[in-house]
N, C-alpha and C. Protein backbone atom coordinates (compact mmCIF):
# COMPACT_ATOMS: atom_id res chain seq x y z
N UNK A 1 14.23 14.40 13.18
CA UNK A 1 13.00 14.97 12.81
C UNK A 1 12.94 15.14 11.31
N UNK A 2 11.76 14.89 10.72
CA UNK A 2 11.58 15.02 9.30
C UNK A 2 10.33 16.00 9.06
N UNK A 3 10.48 16.80 8.07
CA UNK A 3 9.35 17.73 7.80
C UNK A 3 8.57 17.08 6.56
N UNK A 4 7.36 17.15 6.66
CA UNK A 4 6.44 16.57 5.69
C UNK A 4 5.52 17.58 5.09
N UNK A 5 5.34 17.60 3.81
CA UNK A 5 4.38 18.47 3.10
C UNK A 5 3.59 17.65 2.11
N UNK A 6 2.22 17.70 2.33
CA UNK A 6 1.28 16.92 1.41
C UNK A 6 0.84 17.75 0.29
N UNK A 7 0.48 17.13 -0.76
CA UNK A 7 -0.14 17.87 -1.90
C UNK A 7 -0.92 16.87 -2.75
N UNK A 8 -1.77 17.47 -3.65
CA UNK A 8 -2.46 16.54 -4.55
C UNK A 8 -3.95 16.44 -4.24
N UNK A 9 -4.39 17.04 -3.11
CA UNK A 9 -5.81 17.01 -2.85
C UNK A 9 -6.63 17.85 -3.77
N UNK A 10 -7.95 17.64 -3.65
CA UNK A 10 -8.86 18.45 -4.46
C UNK A 10 -10.26 17.91 -4.41
N UNK A 11 -11.12 18.53 -5.33
CA UNK A 11 -12.51 18.19 -5.41
C UNK A 11 -12.70 17.34 -6.65
N UNK A 12 -13.22 16.11 -6.38
CA UNK A 12 -13.42 15.18 -7.51
C UNK A 12 -14.84 14.58 -7.34
N UNK A 13 -15.28 13.86 -8.41
CA UNK A 13 -16.54 13.13 -8.33
C UNK A 13 -16.33 11.70 -7.95
N UNK A 14 -17.41 11.14 -7.41
CA UNK A 14 -17.38 9.71 -7.07
C UNK A 14 -16.90 8.90 -8.30
N UNK A 15 -16.04 7.97 -8.04
CA UNK A 15 -15.45 7.15 -9.12
C UNK A 15 -14.12 7.59 -9.66
N UNK A 16 -13.82 8.87 -9.38
CA UNK A 16 -12.60 9.43 -9.92
C UNK A 16 -11.41 9.06 -9.11
N UNK A 17 -10.25 9.40 -9.54
CA UNK A 17 -8.92 9.02 -8.88
C UNK A 17 -8.16 10.28 -8.53
N UNK A 18 -7.37 10.23 -7.56
CA UNK A 18 -6.41 11.26 -7.13
C UNK A 18 -5.13 10.56 -6.65
N UNK A 19 -4.03 11.31 -6.84
CA UNK A 19 -2.81 10.79 -6.25
C UNK A 19 -2.28 11.88 -5.31
N UNK A 20 -2.15 11.52 -4.00
CA UNK A 20 -1.54 12.41 -3.03
C UNK A 20 -0.04 12.15 -3.01
N UNK A 21 0.63 13.22 -2.70
CA UNK A 21 2.11 13.11 -2.53
C UNK A 21 2.47 13.69 -1.14
N UNK A 22 3.58 13.16 -0.63
CA UNK A 22 4.09 13.62 0.66
C UNK A 22 5.55 13.73 0.49
N UNK A 23 5.99 15.04 0.46
CA UNK A 23 7.46 15.36 0.31
C UNK A 23 8.11 15.41 1.61
N UNK A 24 9.14 14.74 1.86
CA UNK A 24 9.92 14.73 3.09
C UNK A 24 11.22 15.49 3.03
N UNK A 25 11.57 16.16 4.02
CA UNK A 25 12.87 16.86 4.12
C UNK A 25 13.34 16.78 5.55
N UNK A 26 14.67 17.07 5.72
CA UNK A 26 15.27 16.96 6.99
C UNK A 26 16.14 15.73 7.10
N UNK A 27 15.94 14.98 8.11
CA UNK A 27 16.69 13.68 8.23
C UNK A 27 16.30 12.70 7.10
N UNK A 28 17.19 11.81 6.81
CA UNK A 28 17.00 10.82 5.69
C UNK A 28 15.64 10.13 5.79
N UNK A 29 14.79 10.54 4.88
CA UNK A 29 13.40 9.96 5.03
C UNK A 29 13.38 8.47 4.70
N UNK A 30 14.40 7.94 4.05
CA UNK A 30 14.44 6.54 3.80
C UNK A 30 14.66 5.70 5.04
N UNK A 31 14.85 6.34 6.17
CA UNK A 31 15.02 5.65 7.49
C UNK A 31 13.70 5.60 8.15
N UNK A 32 12.58 6.09 7.59
CA UNK A 32 11.31 6.20 8.23
C UNK A 32 10.29 5.36 7.58
N UNK A 33 9.50 4.63 8.39
CA UNK A 33 8.24 4.09 7.92
C UNK A 33 7.30 5.26 7.80
N UNK A 34 6.33 5.15 6.83
CA UNK A 34 5.45 6.26 6.53
C UNK A 34 3.98 5.80 6.58
N UNK A 35 3.16 6.71 6.88
CA UNK A 35 1.67 6.35 6.92
C UNK A 35 0.86 7.48 6.42
N UNK A 36 -0.27 7.15 6.00
CA UNK A 36 -1.39 8.12 5.60
C UNK A 36 -2.54 7.92 6.56
N UNK A 37 -3.06 8.98 7.08
CA UNK A 37 -4.19 9.00 7.93
C UNK A 37 -5.19 10.03 7.35
N UNK A 38 -6.41 9.98 7.80
CA UNK A 38 -7.41 10.94 7.37
C UNK A 38 -8.38 11.24 8.51
N UNK A 39 -8.89 12.41 8.42
CA UNK A 39 -9.89 12.97 9.41
C UNK A 39 -11.04 13.65 8.71
N UNK A 40 -12.20 13.16 8.84
CA UNK A 40 -13.39 13.76 8.29
C UNK A 40 -13.99 14.66 9.37
N UNK A 41 -14.80 15.62 8.91
CA UNK A 41 -15.42 16.56 9.92
C UNK A 41 -16.18 15.81 10.94
N UNK A 42 -16.00 16.13 12.15
CA UNK A 42 -16.72 15.54 13.23
C UNK A 42 -16.28 14.08 13.64
N UNK A 43 -15.32 13.60 12.96
CA UNK A 43 -14.87 12.27 13.22
C UNK A 43 -13.42 12.24 13.71
N UNK A 44 -13.03 11.13 14.32
CA UNK A 44 -11.68 10.98 14.74
C UNK A 44 -10.78 10.64 13.64
N UNK A 45 -9.51 10.96 13.76
CA UNK A 45 -8.55 10.57 12.80
C UNK A 45 -8.43 9.10 12.64
N UNK A 46 -8.36 8.63 11.41
CA UNK A 46 -8.26 7.16 11.18
C UNK A 46 -7.11 6.77 10.22
N UNK A 47 -6.67 5.60 10.44
CA UNK A 47 -5.56 5.06 9.63
C UNK A 47 -6.05 4.71 8.27
N UNK A 48 -5.19 5.06 7.27
CA UNK A 48 -5.55 4.65 5.87
C UNK A 48 -4.52 3.62 5.27
N UNK A 49 -3.18 3.96 5.38
CA UNK A 49 -2.25 3.02 4.78
C UNK A 49 -0.92 3.31 5.40
N UNK A 50 0.00 2.30 5.36
CA UNK A 50 1.35 2.49 5.88
C UNK A 50 2.33 1.71 4.98
N UNK A 51 3.55 2.17 4.98
CA UNK A 51 4.56 1.53 4.14
C UNK A 51 5.89 1.50 4.88
N UNK A 52 6.65 0.40 4.78
CA UNK A 52 7.94 0.29 5.45
C UNK A 52 8.93 1.13 4.75
N UNK A 53 10.12 1.31 5.41
CA UNK A 53 11.08 2.22 4.87
C UNK A 53 11.67 1.77 3.57
N UNK A 54 11.64 0.43 3.37
CA UNK A 54 12.13 -0.09 2.04
C UNK A 54 11.07 -0.08 1.04
N UNK A 55 9.84 0.00 1.41
CA UNK A 55 8.71 -0.07 0.45
C UNK A 55 8.24 -1.47 0.29
N UNK A 56 8.87 -2.41 0.92
CA UNK A 56 8.53 -3.78 0.68
C UNK A 56 7.24 -4.31 1.49
N UNK A 57 6.94 -3.63 2.52
CA UNK A 57 5.75 -3.98 3.40
C UNK A 57 4.72 -2.84 3.35
N UNK A 58 3.45 -3.24 3.10
CA UNK A 58 2.41 -2.17 3.18
C UNK A 58 1.21 -2.81 3.94
N UNK A 59 0.36 -1.90 4.45
CA UNK A 59 -0.83 -2.31 5.11
C UNK A 59 -1.89 -1.30 4.85
N UNK A 60 -3.18 -1.74 4.83
CA UNK A 60 -4.25 -0.79 4.49
C UNK A 60 -5.43 -1.01 5.45
N UNK A 61 -6.12 0.07 5.61
CA UNK A 61 -7.49 -0.06 6.27
C UNK A 61 -8.39 -0.80 5.37
N UNK A 62 -9.25 -1.59 6.00
CA UNK A 62 -10.21 -2.40 5.28
C UNK A 62 -11.06 -1.58 4.34
N UNK A 63 -11.40 -0.37 4.72
CA UNK A 63 -12.21 0.52 3.90
C UNK A 63 -11.61 0.99 2.67
N UNK A 64 -10.27 0.88 2.50
CA UNK A 64 -9.58 1.39 1.26
C UNK A 64 -8.95 0.23 0.48
N UNK A 65 -8.85 -0.92 1.08
CA UNK A 65 -8.17 -2.09 0.42
C UNK A 65 -8.74 -2.30 -0.96
N UNK A 66 -7.85 -2.46 -1.96
CA UNK A 66 -8.30 -2.70 -3.29
C UNK A 66 -8.54 -1.50 -4.04
N UNK A 67 -8.60 -0.28 -3.41
CA UNK A 67 -8.89 0.99 -4.05
C UNK A 67 -7.65 1.87 -3.96
N UNK A 68 -6.98 1.94 -2.81
CA UNK A 68 -5.87 2.72 -2.63
C UNK A 68 -4.55 2.01 -2.63
N UNK A 69 -3.47 2.61 -3.07
CA UNK A 69 -2.15 2.06 -3.08
C UNK A 69 -1.13 3.04 -2.54
N UNK A 70 -0.39 2.61 -1.55
CA UNK A 70 0.67 3.50 -1.00
C UNK A 70 2.01 3.03 -1.67
N UNK A 71 2.85 3.99 -1.95
CA UNK A 71 4.11 3.67 -2.53
C UNK A 71 5.10 4.75 -2.13
N UNK A 72 6.39 4.55 -2.38
CA UNK A 72 7.40 5.52 -2.04
C UNK A 72 8.57 5.49 -3.05
N UNK A 73 9.16 6.69 -3.20
CA UNK A 73 10.31 6.79 -4.02
C UNK A 73 11.36 7.45 -3.10
N UNK A 74 12.25 6.62 -2.59
CA UNK A 74 13.23 7.15 -1.63
C UNK A 74 14.25 8.12 -2.25
N UNK A 75 14.47 7.89 -3.58
CA UNK A 75 15.32 8.83 -4.27
C UNK A 75 14.81 10.22 -4.35
N UNK A 76 13.51 10.29 -4.31
CA UNK A 76 12.84 11.67 -4.42
C UNK A 76 12.30 12.03 -2.99
N UNK A 77 12.53 11.20 -1.97
CA UNK A 77 12.01 11.49 -0.59
C UNK A 77 10.49 11.76 -0.58
N UNK A 78 9.79 10.95 -1.34
CA UNK A 78 8.38 11.23 -1.51
C UNK A 78 7.59 9.94 -1.29
N UNK A 79 6.47 10.04 -0.65
CA UNK A 79 5.53 8.93 -0.54
C UNK A 79 4.23 9.32 -1.20
N UNK A 80 3.65 8.36 -1.88
CA UNK A 80 2.44 8.58 -2.62
C UNK A 80 1.26 7.71 -2.12
N UNK A 81 0.05 8.30 -2.31
CA UNK A 81 -1.12 7.51 -2.07
C UNK A 81 -2.09 7.63 -3.26
N UNK A 82 -2.08 6.60 -4.07
CA UNK A 82 -2.94 6.51 -5.27
C UNK A 82 -4.33 6.09 -4.81
N UNK A 83 -5.32 6.99 -5.08
CA UNK A 83 -6.69 6.67 -4.66
C UNK A 83 -7.58 6.53 -5.90
N UNK A 84 -8.12 5.39 -6.07
CA UNK A 84 -9.04 5.07 -7.19
C UNK A 84 -10.36 4.76 -6.66
N UNK A 85 -11.35 4.85 -7.55
CA UNK A 85 -12.77 4.57 -7.28
C UNK A 85 -13.21 5.26 -6.01
N UNK A 86 -12.94 6.57 -5.96
CA UNK A 86 -13.23 7.32 -4.75
C UNK A 86 -14.67 7.45 -4.51
N UNK A 87 -15.02 7.49 -3.21
CA UNK A 87 -16.38 7.47 -2.72
C UNK A 87 -16.59 8.77 -1.91
N UNK A 88 -17.85 9.20 -1.76
CA UNK A 88 -18.02 10.38 -0.92
C UNK A 88 -17.53 10.23 0.53
N UNK A 89 -17.60 9.02 0.99
CA UNK A 89 -17.16 8.75 2.42
C UNK A 89 -15.58 8.84 2.54
N UNK A 90 -14.88 9.03 1.43
CA UNK A 90 -13.45 9.17 1.48
C UNK A 90 -13.08 10.67 1.72
N UNK A 91 -14.12 11.53 1.69
CA UNK A 91 -13.92 12.89 1.95
C UNK A 91 -13.29 13.17 3.32
N UNK A 92 -12.15 13.82 3.36
CA UNK A 92 -11.42 14.00 4.65
C UNK A 92 -10.16 14.92 4.31
N UNK A 93 -9.60 15.35 5.44
CA UNK A 93 -8.24 15.90 5.32
C UNK A 93 -7.26 14.69 5.53
N UNK A 94 -6.39 14.59 4.51
CA UNK A 94 -5.41 13.46 4.55
C UNK A 94 -4.12 13.97 5.04
N UNK A 95 -3.50 13.18 6.04
CA UNK A 95 -2.31 13.58 6.63
C UNK A 95 -1.22 12.52 6.38
N UNK A 96 -0.01 12.89 6.09
CA UNK A 96 1.14 12.07 6.01
C UNK A 96 1.85 12.07 7.31
N UNK A 97 2.47 10.89 7.67
CA UNK A 97 3.11 10.83 8.97
C UNK A 97 4.35 9.92 8.84
N UNK A 98 5.34 10.14 9.71
CA UNK A 98 6.57 9.45 9.68
C UNK A 98 7.05 8.93 11.05
N UNK A 99 7.62 7.73 11.07
CA UNK A 99 8.18 7.26 12.33
C UNK A 99 9.56 6.55 12.00
N UNK A 100 10.58 6.87 12.74
CA UNK A 100 11.87 6.29 12.53
C UNK A 100 11.78 4.78 12.66
N UNK A 101 12.43 4.04 11.69
CA UNK A 101 12.34 2.63 11.66
C UNK A 101 13.69 2.00 11.73
N UNK A 102 13.90 0.96 12.53
CA UNK A 102 15.13 0.32 12.67
C UNK A 102 15.35 -0.85 11.70
N UNK A 103 14.34 -1.16 10.97
CA UNK A 103 14.53 -2.20 9.93
C UNK A 103 13.61 -1.97 8.71
N UNK A 104 13.80 -2.83 7.74
CA UNK A 104 13.12 -2.64 6.42
C UNK A 104 11.68 -3.17 6.45
N UNK A 105 11.23 -3.71 7.48
CA UNK A 105 9.94 -4.37 7.46
C UNK A 105 8.84 -3.67 8.25
N UNK A 106 9.28 -2.77 9.17
CA UNK A 106 8.34 -2.27 10.17
C UNK A 106 7.27 -1.35 9.54
N UNK A 107 6.02 -1.58 9.91
CA UNK A 107 4.92 -0.71 9.63
C UNK A 107 4.01 -0.59 10.80
N UNK A 108 3.19 0.38 10.92
CA UNK A 108 2.27 0.48 11.98
C UNK A 108 1.02 1.27 11.57
N UNK A 109 -0.08 0.91 12.07
CA UNK A 109 -1.33 1.58 11.77
C UNK A 109 -1.76 2.40 12.98
N UNK A 110 -0.91 2.57 13.95
CA UNK A 110 -1.28 3.26 15.18
C UNK A 110 -0.73 4.69 15.12
N UNK A 111 -1.64 5.74 15.06
CA UNK A 111 -1.30 7.10 14.88
C UNK A 111 -0.32 7.62 15.99
N UNK A 112 -0.46 7.15 17.23
CA UNK A 112 0.29 7.62 18.30
C UNK A 112 1.76 7.22 18.20
N UNK A 113 2.06 6.25 17.35
CA UNK A 113 3.45 5.83 17.21
C UNK A 113 4.23 6.70 16.15
N UNK A 114 3.53 7.55 15.45
CA UNK A 114 4.16 8.35 14.48
C UNK A 114 4.64 9.62 15.13
N UNK A 115 5.83 10.03 14.84
CA UNK A 115 6.43 11.21 15.52
C UNK A 115 6.41 12.57 14.67
N UNK A 116 6.20 12.46 13.42
CA UNK A 116 6.20 13.63 12.59
C UNK A 116 5.01 13.61 11.69
N UNK A 117 4.32 14.76 11.54
CA UNK A 117 3.10 14.87 10.73
C UNK A 117 3.18 16.04 9.84
N UNK A 118 2.47 15.93 8.70
CA UNK A 118 2.26 17.08 7.79
C UNK A 118 1.14 17.90 8.18
N UNK A 119 0.76 18.89 7.41
CA UNK A 119 -0.35 19.81 7.64
C UNK A 119 -1.59 19.31 7.11
N UNK A 120 -1.54 18.37 6.21
CA UNK A 120 -2.72 17.85 5.60
C UNK A 120 -3.13 18.45 4.29
N UNK A 121 -3.89 17.63 3.47
CA UNK A 121 -4.45 18.07 2.24
C UNK A 121 -5.90 17.63 2.10
N UNK A 122 -6.69 18.55 1.69
CA UNK A 122 -8.19 18.27 1.71
C UNK A 122 -8.55 17.45 0.43
N UNK A 123 -9.29 16.38 0.64
CA UNK A 123 -9.89 15.55 -0.46
C UNK A 123 -11.41 15.65 -0.25
N UNK A 124 -12.06 16.11 -1.25
CA UNK A 124 -13.54 16.14 -1.27
C UNK A 124 -14.04 15.34 -2.48
N UNK A 125 -14.99 14.45 -2.15
CA UNK A 125 -15.54 13.58 -3.20
C UNK A 125 -17.03 13.76 -3.27
N UNK A 126 -17.54 14.34 -4.34
CA UNK A 126 -18.94 14.63 -4.50
C UNK A 126 -19.64 13.43 -5.09
N UNK A 127 -20.94 13.30 -4.76
CA UNK A 127 -21.71 12.15 -5.24
C UNK A 127 -22.38 12.50 -6.59
């Protein structure tokens, strides 16, 4: 099991940038594929981005491609989500998630496959 703590959320204007961080502790986080999900009020949780345990593979939701970048620093046990050109529709609580991975290439955009979740950080984008 790995414990996850998100940070970096806040209130910004449309077009601004934010960088979210997800600090992992517990079992070796470099053995885990990681993902970012978000949930807006009244909506279901949705996939945002995922990264393999090596950092070599990534995948994004179509709605954020070209604007968001997921990365990781295994030496710091931290995963990042760089969010540029933010839009009001990006407003949501953002969650970090982890799933144990047996290889350097595995990623998944399916929330139910993740076993560990953080508490979330609020991102609000005003128009």
